[in-house]
Amino acid sequence: MTAEENGPRGVLVTGASKGIGRAVALAFAERGDRVAVHYGSDADAARRTLAELPGSGHLLVQGDLSEPEGAQAVADRAEEGLDGVRVLVNNAAVGTTLDNAHPVPETSYSDWQRAWQTSFAVNVFGAANLTYCVTRHMIAAAAGGRVVNVGSRGAFRGEPDHPAYGAGKAALHALGQSLALSLAPHGIAVTSVAPGFTATERVAGRLAGAAGEALRAQSPFGRVGSADEIAEAVLYLASGPAEWASGAILDLNGASHFRT
């Protein structure tokens, strides 16, 4: 389903100031959809994303998804500004960095607690609360919709230095499958993508030197993924023909990991 076939849709992309979120926002706008560019704190980067979007009717939506009231406000502002949200892309996340690593052998109990609370507040509870608020609007409008969650290969492969991240992405995948069952009677399809390592601004430094070679060697293609590749998959899952994919988790990792 392209915008040209069925008219422009309102699309809310969280964490759209950079990286995968920015690529997703651009991809929808290029197909004629109206996009709400959500950001948490980096207003300058979000404005740059907005400025790059072709077409009209786009808007910025700021909000702290770690707070229930923040998620509700983001949903309401996007619903009003887009005259209805028909696609939600849950991309915002607390990612993995050297600063927030928390392997058990090297982490204090207080830091362990902080890592889990910080990660789950956005990656699980934020996504769950926002999905609730957005899909309630979809149900009230009786127009159906799509929800696409940006999960991670780490949910299946494991994240030894960032276990809260891996567990949170697994929870996000499970949330999507539960909601796929409950929301289907309302014409709302829910899916997830599970990217492997993806080249974005945030992780550019990790792709240099021996560490970068090791990351590229994880895939038999000898490279890591691109944000545009993830965006193309999200576009498909948000399309009309992808309704029958509801509940699916699409692996996007260049054959670097196989689920059993």
C-alpha atoms as a PDB file:
ATOM      1  CA  MET A   1       0.000   0.000   0.000  1.00  0.00           C
ATOM      2  CA  THR A   2       1.638   3.235  -1.108  1.00  0.00           C
ATOM      3  CA  ALA A   3       0.375   6.670  -0.252  1.00  0.00           C
ATOM      4  CA  GLU A   4      -0.456   7.160  -3.930  1.00  0.00           C
ATOM      5  CA  GLU A   5      -2.786   4.142  -3.869  1.00  0.00           C
ATOM      6  CA  ASN A   6      -4.648   4.909  -0.678  1.00  0.00           C
ATOM      7  CA  GLY A   7      -3.941   8.514   0.166  1.00  0.00           C
ATOM      8  CA  PRO A   8      -1.345   9.881   2.552  1.00  0.00           C
ATOM      9  CA  ARG A   9      -1.321   8.405   6.026  1.00  0.00           C
ATOM     10  CA  GLY A  10      -0.324   9.909   9.336  1.00  0.00           C
ATOM     11  CA  VAL A  11       2.848   8.181  10.545  1.00  0.00           C
ATOM     12  CA  LEU A  12       4.417   8.594  13.995  1.00  0.00           C
ATOM     13  CA  VAL A  13       8.081   7.574  14.150  1.00  0.00           C
ATOM     14  CA  THR A  14       9.679   7.660  17.587  1.00  0.00           C
ATOM     15  CA  GLY A  15      13.348   8.440  18.013  1.00  0.00           C
ATOM     16  CA  ALA A  16      13.376   9.945  14.527  1.00  0.00           C
ATOM     17  CA  SER A  17      16.078  12.573  15.017  1.00  0.00           C
ATOM     18  CA  LYS A  18      18.892  10.273  13.861  1.00  0.00           C
ATOM     19  CA  GLY A  19      19.822   6.833  12.617  1.00  0.00           C
ATOM     20  CA  ILE A  20      17.184   4.248  11.816  1.00  0.00           C
ATOM     21  CA  GLY A  21      14.381   6.561  12.927  1.00  0.00           C
ATOM     22  CA  ARG A  22      15.473   9.292  10.541  1.00  0.00           C
ATOM     23  CA  ALA A  23      15.738   6.797   7.658  1.00  0.00           C
ATOM     24  CA  VAL A  24      12.258   5.487   8.428  1.00  0.00           C
ATOM     25  CA  ALA A  25      10.770   8.989   8.573  1.00  0.00           C
ATOM     26  CA  LEU A  26      12.355   9.870   5.232  1.00  0.00           C
ATOM     27  CA  ALA A  27      11.125   6.675   3.610  1.00  0.00           C
ATOM     28  CA  PHE A  28       7.505   7.315   4.596  1.00  0.00           C
ATOM     29  CA  ALA A  29       7.661  10.965   3.554  1.00  0.00           C
ATOM     30  CA  GLU A  30       9.106  10.019   0.168  1.00  0.00           C
ATOM     31  CA  ARG A  31       5.973   7.952  -0.406  1.00  0.00           C
ATOM     32  CA  GLY A  32       3.697  10.874   0.325  1.00  0.00           C
ATOM     33  CA  ASP A  33       2.820  10.167   3.947  1.00  0.00           C
ATOM     34  CA  ARG A  34       2.682  12.838   6.653  1.00  0.00           C
ATOM     35  CA  VAL A  35       5.214  12.161   9.386  1.00  0.00           C
ATOM     36  CA  ALA A  36       5.396  13.127  13.042  1.00  0.00           C
ATOM     37  CA  VAL A  37       9.096  13.221  13.920  1.00  0.00           C
ATOM     38  CA  HIS A  38       9.366  12.343  17.590  1.00  0.00           C
ATOM     39  CA  TYR A  39      12.468  13.167  19.600  1.00  0.00           C
ATOM     40  CA  GLY A  40      13.427  13.098  23.243  1.00  0.00           C
ATOM     41  CA  SER A  41      16.076  15.767  23.731  1.00  0.00           C
ATOM     42  CA  ASP A  42      18.046  16.479  20.543  1.00  0.00           C
ATOM     43  CA  ALA A  43      15.882  19.219  19.051  1.00  0.00           C
ATOM     44  CA  ASP A  44      18.526  20.342  16.538  1.00  0.00           C
ATOM     45  CA  ALA A  45      18.868  16.869  15.025  1.00  0.00           C
ATOM     46  CA  ALA A  46      15.090  16.470  14.942  1.00  0.00           C
ATOM     47  CA  ARG A  47      14.725  19.767  13.107  1.00  0.00           C
ATOM     48  CA  ARG A  48      17.286  18.583  10.567  1.00  0.00           C
ATOM     49  CA  THR A  49      15.244  15.444   9.987  1.00  0.00           C
ATOM     50  CA  LEU A  50      12.087  17.504   9.565  1.00  0.00           C
ATOM     51  CA  ALA A  51      13.817  19.815   7.085  1.00  0.00           C
ATOM     52  CA  GLU A  52      14.865  16.848   4.945  1.00  0.00           C
ATOM     53  CA  LEU A  53      11.378  15.375   4.632  1.00  0.00           C
ATOM     54  CA  PRO A  54       9.817  15.878   1.203  1.00  0.00           C
ATOM     55  CA  GLY A  55       6.185  16.863   0.992  1.00  0.00           C
ATOM     56  CA  SER A  56       4.097  18.736   3.526  1.00  0.00           C
ATOM     57  CA  GLY A  57       2.084  18.207   6.670  1.00  0.00           C
ATOM     58  CA  HIS A  58       4.993  16.939   8.781  1.00  0.00           C
ATOM     59  CA  LEU A  59       5.600  18.009  12.372  1.00  0.00           C
ATOM     60  CA  LEU A  60       7.914  17.690  15.340  1.00  0.00           C
ATOM     61  CA  VAL A  61       6.702  15.987  18.503  1.00  0.00           C
ATOM     62  CA  GLN A  62       8.859  16.142  21.609  1.00  0.00           C
ATOM     63  CA  GLY A  63       8.239  13.921  24.585  1.00  0.00           C
ATOM     64  CA  ASP A  64       9.806  11.774  27.288  1.00  0.00           C
ATOM     65  CA  LEU A  65       8.542   8.259  26.600  1.00  0.00           C
ATOM     66  CA  SER A  66       9.939   6.997  29.900  1.00  0.00           C
ATOM     67  CA  GLU A  67       7.045   8.767  31.628  1.00  0.00           C
ATOM     68  CA  PRO A  68       3.447   7.545  31.128  1.00  0.00           C
ATOM     69  CA  GLU A  69       2.221  11.131  30.800  1.00  0.00           C
ATOM     70  CA  GLY A  70       4.897  11.809  28.196  1.00  0.00           C
ATOM     71  CA  ALA A  71       3.781   8.867  26.076  1.00  0.00           C
ATOM     72  CA  GLN A  72       0.162  10.010  26.284  1.00  0.00           C
ATOM     73  CA  ALA A  73       1.103  13.550  25.269  1.00  0.00           C
ATOM     74  CA  VAL A  74       3.130  12.333  22.266  1.00  0.00           C
ATOM     75  CA  ALA A  75       0.219  10.185  21.084  1.00  0.00           C
ATOM     76  CA  ASP A  76      -2.276  13.008  21.461  1.00  0.00           C
ATOM     77  CA  ARG A  77      -0.106  15.632  19.750  1.00  0.00           C
ATOM     78  CA  ALA A  78       0.621  13.341  16.808  1.00  0.00           C
ATOM     79  CA  GLU A  79      -3.029  12.366  16.493  1.00  0.00           C
ATOM     80  CA  GLU A  80      -4.093  16.000  16.371  1.00  0.00           C
ATOM     81  CA  GLY A  81      -1.220  17.259  14.222  1.00  0.00           C
ATOM     82  CA  LEU A  82      -1.552  14.518  11.606  1.00  0.00           C
ATOM     83  CA  ASP A  83      -5.349  14.384  11.702  1.00  0.00           C
ATOM     84  CA  GLY A  84      -5.043  10.765  12.751  1.00  0.00           C
ATOM     85  CA  VAL A  85      -2.130   8.357  13.176  1.00  0.00           C
ATOM     86  CA  ARG A  86      -2.472   5.250  11.026  1.00  0.00           C
ATOM     87  CA  VAL A  87       1.100   3.957  11.409  1.00  0.00           C
ATOM     88  CA  LEU A  88       3.192   3.860  14.579  1.00  0.00           C
ATOM     89  CA  VAL A  89       6.868   2.932  14.409  1.00  0.00           C
ATOM     90  CA  ASN A  90       8.294   2.244  17.863  1.00  0.00           C
ATOM     91  CA  ASN A  91      11.954   3.003  17.219  1.00  0.00           C
ATOM     92  CA  ALA A  92      13.022   5.115  20.230  1.00  0.00           C
ATOM     93  CA  ALA A  93      15.303   3.192  22.554  1.00  0.00           C
ATOM     94  CA  VAL A  94      18.077   3.405  25.075  1.00  0.00           C
ATOM     95  CA  GLY A  95      20.806   1.780  22.998  1.00  0.00           C
ATOM     96  CA  THR A  96      24.031   0.007  23.868  1.00  0.00           C
ATOM     97  CA  THR A  97      27.110   2.101  24.604  1.00  0.00           C
ATOM     98  CA  LEU A  98      30.339   1.653  26.506  1.00  0.00           C
ATOM     99  CA  ASP A  99      28.945   3.971  29.167  1.00  0.00           C
ATOM    100  CA  ASN A 100      25.847   1.901  29.900  1.00  0.00           C
ATOM    101  CA  ALA A 101      27.404  -1.566  29.760  1.00  0.00           C
ATOM    102  CA  HIS A 102      26.479  -3.662  32.801  1.00  0.00           C
ATOM    103  CA  PRO A 103      27.981  -7.171  32.697  1.00  0.00           C
ATOM    104  CA  VAL A 104      27.326  -8.971  35.973  1.00  0.00           C
ATOM    105  CA  PRO A 105      30.978  -9.617  36.956  1.00  0.00           C
ATOM    106  CA  GLU A 106      31.957  -5.956  36.673  1.00  0.00           C
ATOM    107  CA  THR A 107      28.830  -4.068  37.745  1.00  0.00           C
ATOM    108  CA  SER A 108      27.736  -2.919  41.186  1.00  0.00           C
ATOM    109  CA  TYR A 109      24.242  -3.757  42.321  1.00  0.00           C
ATOM    110  CA  SER A 110      23.179  -0.097  42.245  1.00  0.00           C
ATOM    111  CA  ASP A 111      24.477   0.320  38.696  1.00  0.00           C
ATOM    112  CA  TRP A 112      22.762  -2.920  37.708  1.00  0.00           C
ATOM    113  CA  GLN A 113      19.441  -1.606  38.994  1.00  0.00           C
ATOM    114  CA  ARG A 114      19.947   1.709  37.233  1.00  0.00           C
ATOM    115  CA  ALA A 115      20.724   0.041  33.893  1.00  0.00           C
ATOM    116  CA  TRP A 116      17.575  -2.079  33.966  1.00  0.00           C
ATOM    117  CA  GLN A 117      15.313   0.736  35.088  1.00  0.00           C
ATOM    118  CA  THR A 118      16.666   3.180  32.510  1.00  0.00           C
ATOM    119  CA  SER A 119      16.491   0.690  29.643  1.00  0.00           C
ATOM    120  CA  PHE A 120      13.056  -0.752  30.384  1.00  0.00           C
ATOM    121  CA  ALA A 121      11.523   2.670  31.043  1.00  0.00           C
ATOM    122  CA  VAL A 122      11.864   3.528  27.336  1.00  0.00           C
ATOM    123  CA  ASN A 123      12.439   0.256  25.489  1.00  0.00           C
ATOM    124  CA  VAL A 124       9.539  -1.619  27.064  1.00  0.00           C
ATOM    125  CA  PHE A 125       7.219   0.574  29.129  1.00  0.00           C
ATOM    126  CA  GLY A 126       7.540   3.575  26.819  1.00  0.00           C
ATOM    127  CA  ALA A 127       6.745   1.510  23.744  1.00  0.00           C
ATOM    128  CA  ALA A 128       3.891  -0.274  25.516  1.00  0.00           C
ATOM    129  CA  ASN A 129       2.323   2.953  26.783  1.00  0.00           C
ATOM    130  CA  LEU A 130       2.640   4.757  23.466  1.00  0.00           C
ATOM    131  CA  THR A 131       1.223   1.783  21.566  1.00  0.00           C
ATOM    132  CA  TYR A 132      -1.734   1.689  23.940  1.00  0.00           C
ATOM    133  CA  CYS A 133      -2.463   5.376  23.477  1.00  0.00           C
ATOM    134  CA  VAL A 134      -2.018   5.395  19.690  1.00  0.00           C
ATOM    135  CA  THR A 135      -4.013   2.239  19.044  1.00  0.00           C
ATOM    136  CA  ARG A 136      -6.862   3.479  21.231  1.00  0.00           C
ATOM    137  CA  HIS A 137      -7.106   6.399  18.794  1.00  0.00           C
ATOM    138  CA  MET A 138      -7.012   3.934  15.886  1.00  0.00           C
ATOM    139  CA  ILE A 139      -9.808   1.884  17.419  1.00  0.00           C
ATOM    140  CA  ALA A 140     -11.933   4.973  18.014  1.00  0.00           C
ATOM    141  CA  ALA A 141     -11.471   6.016  14.384  1.00  0.00           C
ATOM    142  CA  ALA A 142     -12.411   2.511  13.155  1.00  0.00           C
ATOM    143  CA  ALA A 143      -9.911   2.917  10.311  1.00  0.00           C
ATOM    144  CA  GLY A 144      -7.404   0.199  11.156  1.00  0.00           C
ATOM    145  CA  GLY A 145      -3.677   0.784  11.282  1.00  0.00           C
ATOM    146  CA  ARG A 146      -0.194  -0.605  11.577  1.00  0.00           C
ATOM    147  CA  VAL A 147       2.314  -0.834  14.420  1.00  0.00           C
ATOM    148  CA  VAL A 148       5.919  -1.764  13.661  1.00  0.00           C
ATOM    149  CA  ASN A 149       8.365  -2.300  16.520  1.00  0.00           C
ATOM    150  CA  VAL A 150      12.099  -1.933  15.995  1.00  0.00           C
ATOM    151  CA  GLY A 151      13.535  -4.740  18.066  1.00  0.00           C
ATOM    152  CA  SER A 152      16.948  -6.358  17.831  1.00  0.00           C
ATOM    153  CA  ARG A 153      18.920  -9.464  16.962  1.00  0.00           C
ATOM    154  CA  GLY A 154      20.150  -9.174  20.540  1.00  0.00           C
ATOM    155  CA  ALA A 155      16.800 -10.460  21.784  1.00  0.00           C
ATOM    156  CA  PHE A 156      17.758 -13.874  20.374  1.00  0.00           C
ATOM    157  CA  ARG A 157      21.551 -13.823  20.157  1.00  0.00           C
ATOM    158  CA  GLY A 158      22.070 -12.363  23.622  1.00  0.00           C
ATOM    159  CA  GLU A 159      23.734  -9.173  24.845  1.00  0.00           C
ATOM    160  CA  PRO A 160      26.298 -10.201  27.489  1.00  0.00           C
ATOM    161  CA  ASP A 161      27.458  -6.641  28.175  1.00  0.00           C
ATOM    162  CA  HIS A 162      23.945  -5.166  27.930  1.00  0.00           C
ATOM    163  CA  PRO A 163      21.522  -7.803  29.249  1.00  0.00           C
ATOM    164  CA  ALA A 164      18.805  -5.244  29.997  1.00  0.00           C
ATOM    165  CA  TYR A 165      18.820  -4.205  26.345  1.00  0.00           C
ATOM    166  CA  GLY A 166      18.557  -7.786  25.095  1.00  0.00           C
ATOM    167  CA  ALA A 167      15.795  -8.620  27.546  1.00  0.00           C
ATOM    168  CA  GLY A 168      13.916  -5.425  26.723  1.00  0.00           C
ATOM    169  CA  LYS A 169      13.984  -6.105  22.991  1.00  0.00           C
ATOM    170  CA  ALA A 170      12.742  -9.650  23.635  1.00  0.00           C
ATOM    171  CA  ALA A 171       9.899  -8.162  25.653  1.00  0.00           C
ATOM    172  CA  LEU A 172       9.128  -5.743  22.810  1.00  0.00           C
ATOM    173  CA  HIS A 173       8.884  -8.634  20.352  1.00  0.00           C
ATOM    174  CA  ALA A 174       6.582 -10.517  22.709  1.00  0.00           C
ATOM    175  CA  LEU A 175       4.456  -7.424  23.230  1.00  0.00           C
ATOM    176  CA  GLY A 176       4.034  -7.125  19.469  1.00  0.00           C
ATOM    177  CA  GLN A 177       2.825 -10.700  19.152  1.00  0.00           C
ATOM    178  CA  SER A 178       0.358 -10.334  22.020  1.00  0.00           C
ATOM    179  CA  LEU A 179      -1.040  -7.146  20.517  1.00  0.00           C
ATOM    180  CA  ALA A 180      -1.199  -8.732  17.059  1.00  0.00           C
ATOM    181  CA  LEU A 181      -3.748 -11.139  18.510  1.00  0.00           C
ATOM    182  CA  SER A 182      -5.786  -8.595  20.432  1.00  0.00           C
ATOM    183  CA  LEU A 183      -5.833  -5.820  17.837  1.00  0.00           C
ATOM    184  CA  ALA A 184      -6.500  -7.826  14.676  1.00  0.00           C
ATOM    185  CA  PRO A 185     -10.303  -7.604  15.121  1.00  0.00           C
ATOM    186  CA  HIS A 186      -9.873  -3.828  14.839  1.00  0.00           C
ATOM    187  CA  GLY A 187      -7.927  -4.028  11.576  1.00  0.00           C
ATOM    188  CA  ILE A 188      -4.618  -3.209  13.281  1.00  0.00           C
ATOM    189  CA  ALA A 189      -1.611  -5.333  12.310  1.00  0.00           C
ATOM    190  CA  VAL A 190       1.405  -5.430  14.635  1.00  0.00           C
ATOM    191  CA  THR A 191       4.852  -6.613  13.572  1.00  0.00           C
ATOM    192  CA  SER A 192       8.505  -6.256  14.544  1.00  0.00           C
ATOM    193  CA  VAL A 193      11.877  -6.067  12.847  1.00  0.00           C
ATOM    194  CA  ALA A 194      14.981  -7.476  14.514  1.00  0.00           C
ATOM    195  CA  PRO A 195      18.040  -5.747  13.043  1.00  0.00           C
ATOM    196  CA  GLY A 196      21.583  -6.902  13.556  1.00  0.00           C
ATOM    197  CA  PHE A 197      24.376  -4.367  13.885  1.00  0.00           C
ATOM    198  CA  THR A 198      23.398  -1.333  11.820  1.00  0.00           C
ATOM    199  CA  ALA A 199      25.632   1.561  10.794  1.00  0.00           C
ATOM    200  CA  THR A 200      24.330   4.824  12.271  1.00  0.00           C
ATOM    201  CA  GLU A 201      25.882   8.009  13.594  1.00  0.00           C
ATOM    202  CA  ARG A 202      25.697   6.724  17.151  1.00  0.00           C
ATOM    203  CA  VAL A 203      27.865   3.662  16.516  1.00  0.00           C
ATOM    204  CA  ALA A 204      30.209   5.040  13.854  1.00  0.00           C
ATOM    205  CA  GLY A 205      33.182   4.834  16.198  1.00  0.00           C
ATOM    206  CA  ARG A 206      32.654   1.111  16.765  1.00  0.00           C
ATOM    207  CA  LEU A 207      33.119   0.382  13.058  1.00  0.00           C
ATOM    208  CA  ALA A 208      36.746   1.516  12.988  1.00  0.00           C
ATOM    209  CA  GLY A 209      39.807  -0.699  13.325  1.00  0.00           C
ATOM    210  CA  ALA A 210      39.818  -4.291  14.502  1.00  0.00           C
ATOM    211  CA  ALA A 211      36.475  -3.925  16.299  1.00  0.00           C
ATOM    212  CA  GLY A 212      34.829  -2.856  13.052  1.00  0.00           C
ATOM    213  CA  GLU A 213      36.392  -5.747  11.161  1.00  0.00           C
ATOM    214  CA  ALA A 214      35.020  -8.166  13.763  1.00  0.00           C
ATOM    215  CA  LEU A 215      31.549  -6.678  13.454  1.00  0.00           C
ATOM    216  CA  ARG A 216      31.584  -6.942   9.666  1.00  0.00           C
ATOM    217  CA  ALA A 217      32.858 -10.512   9.882  1.00  0.00           C
ATOM    218  CA  GLN A 218      29.721 -11.549  11.777  1.00  0.00           C
ATOM    219  CA  SER A 219      27.874 -11.620   8.449  1.00  0.00           C
ATOM    220  CA  PRO A 220      28.940 -13.766   5.474  1.00  0.00           C
ATOM    221  CA  PHE A 221      28.307 -10.654   3.381  1.00  0.00           C
ATOM    222  CA  GLY A 222      31.252  -9.042   5.133  1.00  0.00           C
ATOM    223  CA  ARG A 223      29.438  -5.882   6.164  1.00  0.00           C
ATOM    224  CA  VAL A 224      26.922  -4.471   8.614  1.00  0.00           C
ATOM    225  CA  GLY A 225      23.409  -3.302   7.819  1.00  0.00           C
ATOM    226  CA  SER A 226      22.290   0.159   6.787  1.00  0.00           C
ATOM    227  CA  ALA A 227      19.500   2.276   8.213  1.00  0.00           C
ATOM    228  CA  ASP A 228      17.924   2.446   4.749  1.00  0.00           C
ATOM    229  CA  GLU A 229      17.648  -1.349   4.636  1.00  0.00           C
ATOM    230  CA  ILE A 230      15.784  -1.351   7.926  1.00  0.00           C
ATOM    231  CA  ALA A 231      13.521   1.454   6.691  1.00  0.00           C
ATOM    232  CA  GLU A 232      12.559  -0.508   3.567  1.00  0.00           C
ATOM    233  CA  ALA A 233      11.483  -3.450   5.713  1.00  0.00           C
ATOM    234  CA  VAL A 234       9.448  -1.174   7.985  1.00  0.00           C
ATOM    235  CA  LEU A 235       7.715   0.293   4.931  1.00  0.00           C
ATOM    236  CA  TYR A 236       6.651  -3.149   3.799  1.00  0.00           C
ATOM    237  CA  LEU A 237       5.361  -4.178   7.217  1.00  0.00           C
ATOM    238  CA  ALA A 238       3.341  -0.950   7.408  1.00  0.00           C
ATOM    239  CA  SER A 239       1.733  -1.593   4.021  1.00  0.00           C
ATOM    240  CA  GLY A 240      -1.723  -2.916   3.278  1.00  0.00           C
ATOM    241  CA  PRO A 241      -0.540  -6.256   1.836  1.00  0.00           C
ATOM    242  CA  ALA A 242       1.482  -6.904   4.998  1.00  0.00           C
ATOM    243  CA  GLU A 243      -1.643  -7.340   7.124  1.00  0.00           C
ATOM    244  CA  TRP A 244      -1.139 -11.108   6.870  1.00  0.00           C
ATOM    245  CA  ALA A 245       2.338 -10.695   8.368  1.00  0.00           C
ATOM    246  CA  SER A 246       0.823  -9.503  11.652  1.00  0.00           C
ATOM    247  CA  GLY A 247       2.658 -11.093  14.553  1.00  0.00           C
ATOM    248  CA  ALA A 248       5.811 -11.653  12.515  1.00  0.00           C
ATOM    249  CA  ILE A 249       9.323 -10.775  13.662  1.00  0.00           C
ATOM    250  CA  LEU A 250      11.478 -10.087  10.610  1.00  0.00           C
ATOM    251  CA  ASP A 251      15.184 -10.817  11.066  1.00  0.00           C
ATOM    252  CA  LEU A 252      17.419  -8.269   9.324  1.00  0.00           C
ATOM    253  CA  ASN A 253      20.940  -9.336  10.192  1.00  0.00           C
ATOM    254  CA  GLY A 254      22.677 -10.463   6.991  1.00  0.00           C
ATOM    255  CA  ALA A 255      22.654 -14.135   8.048  1.00  0.00           C
ATOM    256  CA  SER A 256      24.765 -13.280  11.086  1.00  0.00           C
ATOM    257  CA  HIS A 257      22.403 -15.133  13.429  1.00  0.00           C
ATOM    258  CA  PHE A 258      19.717 -17.772  12.921  1.00  0.00           C
ATOM    259  CA  ARG A 259      16.907 -18.405  15.350  1.00  0.00           C
ATOM    260  CA  THR A 260      16.071 -22.003  16.239  1.00  0.00           C
END
